[in-house]
Amino acid sequence: MVSLCFYRFLPIIPYISTILAVQVQPVKRNIGSSATCMSEYSWMDDSQGNSPCLTVAYVEAPCYENNYVQPVLQSGYSYTLPNSSNANACYCSWSSYNLMMACTLCQGANDSSVWEWPAWADGCAANQSWTQEYFPSGYVLAGDASIPYWATTNPSTWTYATFNIPDANATYQKNSSSVTPGASSPSSSSSSSSSKSTDVGAIVGGTVGGAAALLFLVIATYILYRRHVYRNASVINQQGTTFIPQSGTHNRIPSDTSNFSASMSGSLALYGQPTVSSSQQYETSYSPQPQTAYPSLQGSYSPIPRTDMTVYTTHSSNGRPGDAIPMV
């Protein structure tokens, strides 16, 4: 019964990974930007056609429960540096700095509105490890967003450690792809491609979850099977058959009669046989053979004595041998 239920469950196991993968995929809640980039900066868009202002909103959102809106930059202003109130793993990453500065310039602001990377990193003093990655480990982008390859550059390698259009565009010319955080290495895709980026982290998580669920099912099935076998064995033991042995008798006569003859006088005396007087002319003594008891499942029994053809000859009182009488 247990095995039948297990085999019926097998066809749905492949769907477990898919279900768990969907559950771990971040849900897009309120991610957006009303800022608009000039057309001459369209090369900054990711493979889905999102401007750097919208892409930076996707980069910041994972640290804000997927609720983040990138505001429009007012003329003469700069976007806020990291500080004790807003510094986190997302805001301090390389892609956050590069995209934030790109969003600044693509709206028409001048270079004076761009922060140097050292000033940006100083605001992340609470955890300098946040400034060592292009995107924080353990986080994934919501929806189908991706990050342009040029935005994954370590800002300290820019000229004067400051984001600038010439360096960023030169990087784009070498590699115009976009990457998806979570892959072991940046995975490339053409900026003109309309294909969706696959969240490797979610797939791996779903697969591991499915394997764990399958392992739990196998263990539970084995425990139920062992319990079923144990109960059946108990019932069989309680219904065992009792054998009642039948009573039997054993008639054994010792073959050595020397002990008896030594204490007797006159004629030969046998155990279990009457003594015959010497006045009788012919005497014949019958001595039964020892019997062997054979055990059986229902007691023991004594087999029918074999017919002994041994001839016993007695002597008369005058010393002449008598006639031999066979035993039947």
Foldseek 3Di string as FASTA:
>chain_A
DLVVVVVVCVVCLVCQLVVQLVVPAQAQDAQEEPADFDPVQQLQAALQSDALQRLLSQLLQQVVSNHGYRYYDDAPEADDAAAPVRDDLRCQAQLNLQSRQSSCPRSPHDPVRWDANVSNQVRNVVDNVSHVFNGDPPTFGHDQRWHFPLSRDNLCPPVNSTDDDVVSVVVCVVASFTATPQDPDGDGDHSNDNDGDDRPNSSVVSVVVSVVVVVVSVVVSVVVVVVVVVVVVVVVVVPDDDAAADDEDADFADPDCPVVQVVDDAADDGVPDDGDHLQDFWDDDDDFDHWDWDQDSRHIYTDDGDFDQDWDWDHGPVGDIDDTDGTD
